[in-house]
Amino acid sequence: MHYDSQGDVRPVDLLAEDQIRVGDRTYTVVAQRPADGGWLLMVDGQRVRAYSASHNGEIYVWLEGRTYTLSQVDSRPSRRRSQTASGDLTAQMPGQVIDVLVAVGDAVEAGQTLVILEAMKMELRVTTPSAGVVRRLLVKTGDVVERGQALVEIADAKNTIQA
């Protein structure tokens, strides 16, 4: 995946359970989720406190006194973009499904959380970019998923016939 922070676009890749590459630099990261809702990170052996939130496709991160706004940038060929636009939601990193919050036939709104994944001891919420109807669920609670694996198919509400 590529992320944009104020015009600075960098690739972010999960290399192993505790290794992340941002741009051309690799970090060893261990994450814990304390009761206060933030993140306690050990980044290359250094303790770092962070908080994050997402809204309308943007991720807001407070890290060591600085705030960053991140937007996911689709750097893949246009063939992949059209597949994403059709309503397929995929895992952004390997992990385990800890909850599925919708069922086939459910109407969903833009930004609604559909699936919760756990990866690297972090909780990741998979949200829909637009309103529609759940066409297919491709995972269930407890499943282990790979990066890029399809999780849910969403159909445009206008083009879906419900039985």
Protein backbone atom coordinates (compact mmCIF):
# COMPACT_ATOMS: atom_id res chain seq x y z
CA MET A 1 0.00 0.00 0.00
CA HIS A 2 1.03 3.59 -0.54
CA TYR A 3 0.04 6.39 1.83
CA ASP A 4 0.04 10.15 1.26
CA SER A 5 0.80 12.57 4.10
CA GLN A 6 0.67 16.17 2.88
CA GLY A 7 1.95 15.27 -0.58
CA ASP A 8 4.64 12.85 0.66
CA VAL A 9 3.64 9.46 -0.82
CA ARG A 10 5.44 6.41 0.58
CA PRO A 11 4.94 2.68 0.22
CA VAL A 12 4.18 0.83 3.47
CA ASP A 13 4.69 -2.94 3.54
CA LEU A 14 4.33 -5.53 6.28
CA LEU A 15 7.39 -7.75 5.89
CA ALA A 16 6.91 -10.01 8.92
CA GLU A 17 4.76 -10.05 12.04
CA ASP A 18 7.00 -7.42 13.64
CA GLN A 19 8.69 -5.73 10.65
CA ILE A 20 7.34 -2.86 8.59
CA ARG A 21 8.99 -1.09 5.68
CA VAL A 22 8.11 2.58 5.12
CA GLY A 23 9.69 3.86 1.95
CA ASP A 24 13.22 2.46 1.88
CA ARG A 25 13.55 2.08 5.68
CA THR A 26 12.65 -1.05 7.67
CA TYR A 27 11.45 -0.89 11.29
CA THR A 28 10.97 -3.54 13.94
CA VAL A 29 7.66 -2.71 15.63
CA VAL A 30 5.85 -4.33 18.54
CA ALA A 31 2.45 -2.82 19.33
CA GLN A 32 0.35 -2.97 22.47
CA ARG A 33 -3.10 -1.50 22.96
CA PRO A 34 -3.38 -0.04 26.51
CA ALA A 35 -6.77 0.64 28.12
CA ASP A 36 -6.60 4.36 27.22
CA GLY A 37 -7.29 3.53 23.55
CA GLY A 38 -3.91 4.63 22.24
CA TRP A 39 -0.96 2.58 21.12
CA LEU A 40 2.22 1.76 22.96
CA LEU A 41 4.82 0.95 20.32
CA MET A 42 8.36 -0.33 20.55
CA VAL A 43 9.97 0.92 17.34
CA ASP A 44 13.50 -0.41 16.88
CA GLY A 45 13.70 -0.78 20.67
CA GLN A 46 12.48 2.76 21.39
CA ARG A 47 9.19 3.31 23.24
CA VAL A 48 6.71 5.47 21.33
CA ARG A 49 3.16 6.55 22.29
CA ALA A 50 0.63 6.98 19.47
CA TYR A 51 -3.09 7.50 18.95
CA SER A 52 -5.03 6.91 15.75
CA ALA A 53 -8.50 7.40 14.33
CA SER A 54 -10.02 7.12 10.88
CA HIS A 55 -12.84 8.97 9.17
CA ASN A 56 -14.00 9.08 5.54
CA GLY A 57 -11.03 7.12 4.26
CA GLU A 58 -8.39 9.18 6.06
CA ILE A 59 -6.29 8.04 9.00
CA TYR A 60 -5.31 10.55 11.66
CA VAL A 61 -2.24 9.67 13.70
CA TRP A 62 -0.84 11.50 16.72
CA LEU A 63 2.74 10.41 17.21
CA GLU A 64 5.14 11.94 19.72
CA GLY A 65 3.44 15.35 19.69
CA ARG A 66 2.90 15.58 15.91
CA THR A 67 -0.32 14.91 14.03
CA TYR A 68 -0.34 13.26 10.60
CA THR A 69 -3.21 12.83 8.16
CA LEU A 70 -2.76 9.78 5.94
CA SER A 71 -4.70 8.89 2.82
CA GLN A 72 -4.33 5.57 1.06
CA VAL A 73 -3.09 5.98 -2.51
CA ASP A 74 -3.86 3.28 -5.05
CA SER A 75 -0.57 2.77 -6.88
CA ARG A 76 -1.64 -0.39 -8.68
CA PRO A 77 -2.49 -0.55 -12.37
CA SER A 78 -5.91 0.72 -13.41
CA ARG A 79 -7.24 -2.85 -13.74
CA ARG A 80 -7.02 -3.17 -9.95
CA ARG A 81 -8.62 0.22 -9.39
CA SER A 82 -11.71 -0.80 -11.33
CA GLN A 83 -11.97 -3.98 -9.27
CA THR A 84 -11.86 -1.92 -6.06
CA ALA A 85 -14.47 0.46 -7.43
CA SER A 86 -16.81 -2.45 -8.03
CA GLY A 87 -17.11 -3.06 -4.29
CA ASP A 88 -14.55 -5.74 -3.37
CA LEU A 89 -13.00 -5.08 0.04
CA THR A 90 -9.64 -6.69 0.74
CA ALA A 91 -7.32 -7.21 3.71
CA GLN A 92 -4.59 -4.57 3.84
CA MET A 93 -2.23 -6.89 5.74
CA PRO A 94 -2.18 -10.50 6.95
CA GLY A 95 -4.24 -11.09 10.08
CA GLN A 96 -7.11 -12.90 11.74
CA VAL A 97 -10.80 -12.05 11.47
CA ILE A 98 -12.01 -11.25 14.98
CA ASP A 99 -15.52 -10.10 14.05
CA VAL A 100 -17.86 -9.87 11.04
CA LEU A 101 -20.41 -7.11 11.67
CA VAL A 102 -22.70 -7.61 8.65
CA ALA A 103 -24.63 -10.36 6.89
CA VAL A 104 -25.41 -11.02 3.24
CA GLY A 105 -28.23 -8.71 2.13
CA ASP A 106 -27.49 -5.99 4.71
CA ALA A 107 -27.64 -2.41 3.46
CA VAL A 108 -24.46 -0.54 4.43
CA GLU A 109 -23.52 3.12 4.50
CA ALA A 110 -20.25 4.72 3.42
CA GLY A 111 -17.69 4.42 6.20
CA GLN A 112 -19.51 1.60 8.01
CA THR A 113 -17.27 -1.03 9.62
CA LEU A 114 -17.90 -4.45 8.08
CA VAL A 115 -15.08 -6.65 9.41
CA ILE A 116 -12.57 -6.32 12.25
CA LEU A 117 -9.15 -7.86 11.75
CA GLU A 118 -6.30 -8.32 14.20
CA ALA A 119 -2.80 -7.96 12.80
CA MET A 120 0.42 -7.44 14.75
CA LYS A 121 -1.66 -7.08 17.93
CA MET A 122 -3.52 -4.16 16.32
CA GLU A 123 -7.23 -3.99 15.59
CA LEU A 124 -7.97 -3.02 11.98
CA ARG A 125 -11.47 -1.99 10.94
CA VAL A 126 -12.42 -2.70 7.33
CA THR A 127 -14.93 -0.08 6.23
CA THR A 128 -16.91 0.35 3.05
CA PRO A 129 -16.03 3.37 0.89
CA SER A 130 -19.61 3.80 -0.34
CA ALA A 131 -23.19 2.80 0.38
CA GLY A 132 -24.45 -0.49 -1.00
CA VAL A 133 -25.66 -3.97 -0.13
CA VAL A 134 -23.53 -6.88 1.10
CA ARG A 135 -23.47 -9.31 -1.82
CA ARG A 136 -21.08 -11.95 -0.39
CA LEU A 137 -19.14 -12.58 2.79
CA LEU A 138 -15.89 -14.33 1.96
CA VAL A 139 -14.62 -14.74 5.55
CA LYS A 140 -15.94 -15.67 8.99
CA THR A 141 -14.78 -15.03 12.53
CA GLY A 142 -11.55 -16.90 13.23
CA ASP A 143 -10.35 -17.04 9.61
CA VAL A 144 -6.73 -16.14 8.92
CA VAL A 145 -6.39 -13.85 5.89
CA GLU A 146 -3.52 -12.79 3.66
CA ARG A 147 -2.78 -9.31 2.38
CA GLY A 148 -4.97 -8.57 -0.63
CA GLN A 149 -7.46 -11.35 0.15
CA ALA A 150 -11.08 -10.41 -0.63
CA LEU A 151 -13.21 -10.18 2.52
CA VAL A 152 -16.60 -8.80 1.47
CA GLU A 153 -18.31 -7.97 -1.81
CA ILE A 154 -20.55 -4.92 -1.85
CA ALA A 155 -23.03 -4.21 -4.65
CA ASP A 156 -24.29 -0.74 -5.49
CA ALA A 157 -27.70 -0.46 -3.80
CA LYS A 158 -29.35 0.66 -7.08
CA ASN A 159 -28.13 -2.37 -9.03
CA THR A 160 -28.84 -5.09 -6.48
CA ILE A 161 -31.94 -7.24 -6.54
CA GLN A 162 -32.71 -8.70 -3.16
CA ALA A 163 -34.40 -12.06 -2.96
